[in-house]
Amino acid sequence: QLQLVESGGGVVQPGGSLRLSCVASGFSLDSYAIGWFRQAPGKEREAVLCSSNSGGTTTYADSVTGRFTISRDNAKNTVYLQMNSLKYEDTAIYSCAALKWRLCVPTLRQNYVRSWGQGTQVTVSS
């Protein structure tokens, strides 16, 4: 059974940083692309970044370009989301997801997801 567990969320001031972790169990991370999604209050869930099984990355949310990076450590079965220069509008529930394929896709739709994590809350507040 594929399982993903996120951690690292919390409350941070504007301009601060957080690193989220997504630990996989029940499968080998190097077999799947992993995406990070987020859902802000009152908004639809959106794709943020994706890491292919070999480490290539794709950015979907223009607002995070230059501030967020995705990386993975296949030996630890873990994918990370490093978030810097956080803004109020980054407040959301962040979820990682294993895609159905090894590679990221140009447009990441939710029905491309094979398994979801439970999500972790990130709140940017002064």
Foldseek 3Di string as FASTA:
>chain_A
DKAKAKDWADEAAAQAKIKMKIAIPPDQLLFFKKWKWWDDPPGDIATAKIAASVGDIDGDDPVQVPFWDWGDDRVRRMIMIIGGRDDQVVWTWMKMFTFPGRDDDPGDDPVRGDDIYPTDTHGHDD
